[in-house]
């Protein structure tokens, strides 16, 4: 798995969603057009696991969370950056999404939830904030951030 190949997989999604508002309608579109049991979702999930094994994804660790920015925001991806985190029964650092956040939730433990949601897509609108939390097991979460914008805050 190469970074270029991974970026091409992500482009399948960003080409479809670039320029759309980050809202409930976008979440619905993602879950319908790129369902968790569909080929695109499963290929990206598998690619993340392979890249972690190869050591170029989730290469940082702090407080029990493995993480890393995989792709900086760029025009080819509609201005999105790509981050991937590996979490197990833990809350991460509180942060704000100035431009919103799109989460691809990939449970490793089938019962695992991210912010109370199972496998699939979750969209946070601009100016939302949360402590990202995985419960009931272990999960990978891929974040698409417009312009790579994230602000770590205190709740």
Protein backbone atom coordinates (compact mmCIF):
# COMPACT_ATOMS: atom_id res chain seq x y z
CA UNK A 1 0.00 0.00 0.00
CA UNK A 2 1.52 3.29 -1.07
CA UNK A 3 0.52 6.76 0.04
CA UNK A 4 -0.35 7.62 -3.58
CA UNK A 5 -2.63 4.60 -3.82
CA UNK A 6 -4.29 5.50 -0.51
CA UNK A 7 -4.81 9.10 -1.64
CA UNK A 8 -6.47 7.83 -4.82
CA UNK A 9 -8.89 5.77 -2.71
CA UNK A 10 -9.76 8.82 -0.61
CA UNK A 11 -10.27 10.84 -3.77
CA UNK A 12 -13.17 8.57 -4.68
CA UNK A 13 -14.96 10.11 -1.71
CA UNK A 14 -13.67 13.68 -1.80
CA UNK A 15 -14.47 14.04 -5.52
CA UNK A 16 -18.10 13.33 -4.60
CA UNK A 17 -18.35 15.60 -1.55
CA UNK A 18 -16.03 18.57 -2.21
CA UNK A 19 -17.82 21.89 -1.83
CA UNK A 20 -20.85 20.47 -0.01
CA UNK A 21 -21.89 21.79 3.40
CA UNK A 22 -20.88 19.60 6.33
CA UNK A 23 -24.30 18.72 7.70
CA UNK A 24 -26.79 15.91 8.16
CA UNK A 25 -27.51 15.73 4.42
CA UNK A 26 -23.83 15.06 3.75
CA UNK A 27 -23.76 12.36 6.44
CA UNK A 28 -26.77 10.71 4.80
CA UNK A 29 -25.16 10.93 1.34
CA UNK A 30 -21.94 9.32 2.61
CA UNK A 31 -23.78 6.49 4.37
CA UNK A 32 -25.88 5.84 1.27
CA UNK A 33 -23.24 6.16 -1.45
CA UNK A 34 -20.28 4.75 0.51
CA UNK A 35 -21.95 2.34 2.95
CA UNK A 36 -19.91 0.55 5.60
CA UNK A 37 -20.50 -2.79 3.91
CA UNK A 38 -19.67 -1.42 0.45
CA UNK A 39 -16.50 -1.86 -1.59
CA UNK A 40 -15.08 1.67 -1.21
CA UNK A 41 -15.50 1.73 2.58
CA UNK A 42 -14.04 -1.75 2.97
CA UNK A 43 -11.09 -1.01 0.67
CA UNK A 44 -10.19 2.10 2.66
CA UNK A 45 -10.59 0.18 5.92
CA UNK A 46 -8.27 -2.55 4.67
CA UNK A 47 -5.79 0.04 3.36
CA UNK A 48 -5.64 1.72 6.78
CA UNK A 49 -4.87 -1.57 8.51
CA UNK A 50 -2.18 -2.37 5.95
CA UNK A 51 -0.59 1.10 6.22
CA UNK A 52 -0.51 0.80 10.03
CA UNK A 53 1.23 -2.56 9.73
CA UNK A 54 3.70 -1.00 7.29
CA UNK A 55 4.38 1.77 9.82
CA UNK A 56 3.45 4.90 7.86
CA UNK A 57 0.01 5.46 9.35
CA UNK A 58 -0.79 6.14 13.05
CA UNK A 59 2.94 6.44 13.67
CA UNK A 60 2.57 8.74 16.70
CA UNK A 61 1.31 7.75 20.14
CA UNK A 62 0.22 9.86 23.07
CA UNK A 63 -1.90 8.90 26.05
CA UNK A 64 -2.90 5.53 24.61
CA UNK A 65 -4.00 6.96 21.24
CA UNK A 66 -2.12 6.24 18.02
CA UNK A 67 -2.57 8.94 15.39
CA UNK A 68 -1.11 10.81 12.46
CA UNK A 69 -1.92 13.23 9.66
CA UNK A 70 -1.66 11.06 6.59
CA UNK A 71 -2.34 13.72 3.96
CA UNK A 72 -2.11 17.50 4.30
CA UNK A 73 -4.98 19.51 2.85
CA UNK A 74 -4.66 19.77 -0.91
CA UNK A 75 -6.65 20.71 -3.98
CA UNK A 76 -6.65 17.16 -5.34
CA UNK A 77 -8.74 16.15 -2.32
CA UNK A 78 -11.05 19.15 -2.43
CA UNK A 79 -9.07 20.93 0.28
CA UNK A 80 -9.45 18.13 2.81
CA UNK A 81 -6.71 16.75 5.02
CA UNK A 82 -6.74 13.12 6.14
CA UNK A 83 -5.93 11.98 9.68
CA UNK A 84 -6.30 8.47 11.09
CA UNK A 85 -6.47 7.53 14.76
CA UNK A 86 -6.48 4.19 16.55
CA UNK A 87 -8.34 4.27 19.87
CA UNK A 88 -9.53 1.72 22.41
CA UNK A 89 -12.00 2.61 25.19
CA UNK A 90 -10.64 6.12 25.58
CA UNK A 91 -11.55 9.78 25.18
CA UNK A 92 -9.16 11.90 23.17
CA UNK A 93 -8.31 15.57 23.58
CA UNK A 94 -11.19 18.01 23.30
CA UNK A 95 -11.10 19.93 20.05
CA UNK A 96 -13.13 22.27 17.86
CA UNK A 97 -13.86 21.90 14.15
CA UNK A 98 -13.81 25.44 12.67
CA UNK A 99 -14.90 24.08 9.27
CA UNK A 100 -16.51 20.83 10.42
CA UNK A 101 -15.25 17.25 10.46
CA UNK A 102 -16.16 14.07 8.57
CA UNK A 103 -15.50 10.81 10.44
CA UNK A 104 -15.22 7.38 8.87
CA UNK A 105 -15.73 4.97 11.77
CA UNK A 106 -14.05 1.58 11.33
CA UNK A 107 -14.57 -0.65 14.39
CA UNK A 108 -11.95 -3.31 15.02
CA UNK A 109 -14.05 -4.74 17.83
CA UNK A 110 -17.48 -5.18 16.18
CA UNK A 111 -19.29 -3.49 19.11
CA UNK A 112 -16.95 -0.46 19.23
CA UNK A 113 -18.52 2.96 18.91
CA UNK A 114 -17.08 6.39 18.18
CA UNK A 115 -19.00 9.17 19.91
CA UNK A 116 -21.83 6.68 20.36
CA UNK A 117 -21.94 5.66 16.70
CA UNK A 118 -20.99 2.34 15.14
CA UNK A 119 -19.43 1.60 11.78
CA UNK A 120 -20.17 4.19 9.11
CA UNK A 121 -19.98 7.94 8.61
CA UNK A 122 -20.49 10.78 11.08
CA UNK A 123 -20.42 14.46 10.08
CA UNK A 124 -19.86 17.32 12.52
CA UNK A 125 -20.85 20.80 11.27
CA UNK A 126 -18.60 23.86 11.39
CA UNK A 127 -17.94 25.27 14.88
CA UNK A 128 -18.75 21.97 16.60
CA UNK A 129 -16.50 20.54 19.31
CA UNK A 130 -16.08 17.30 21.26
CA UNK A 131 -13.70 14.99 23.06
CA UNK A 132 -13.49 12.14 20.49
CA UNK A 133 -14.41 8.98 22.37
CA UNK A 134 -14.26 5.29 21.53
CA UNK A 135 -16.29 2.97 23.75
CA UNK A 136 -17.05 -0.75 23.78
CA UNK A 137 -13.77 -1.75 22.18
CA UNK A 138 -11.22 -0.72 19.61
CA UNK A 139 -11.64 1.32 16.43
CA UNK A 140 -9.90 3.23 13.69
CA UNK A 141 -11.35 6.60 12.76
CA UNK A 142 -10.41 8.46 9.60
CA UNK A 143 -10.98 12.23 9.77
CA UNK A 144 -11.50 14.45 6.76
CA UNK A 145 -10.95 18.07 7.80
CA UNK A 146 -11.70 20.95 5.41
CA UNK A 147 -8.46 22.96 5.09
CA UNK A 148 -6.99 20.69 7.80
CA UNK A 149 -8.57 22.98 10.40
CA UNK A 150 -8.70 21.73 13.99
CA UNK A 151 -8.28 23.61 17.26
CA UNK A 152 -7.43 21.73 20.43
CA UNK A 153 -9.35 23.26 23.30
CA UNK A 154 -10.56 22.67 26.83
CA UNK A 155 -14.23 21.76 27.25
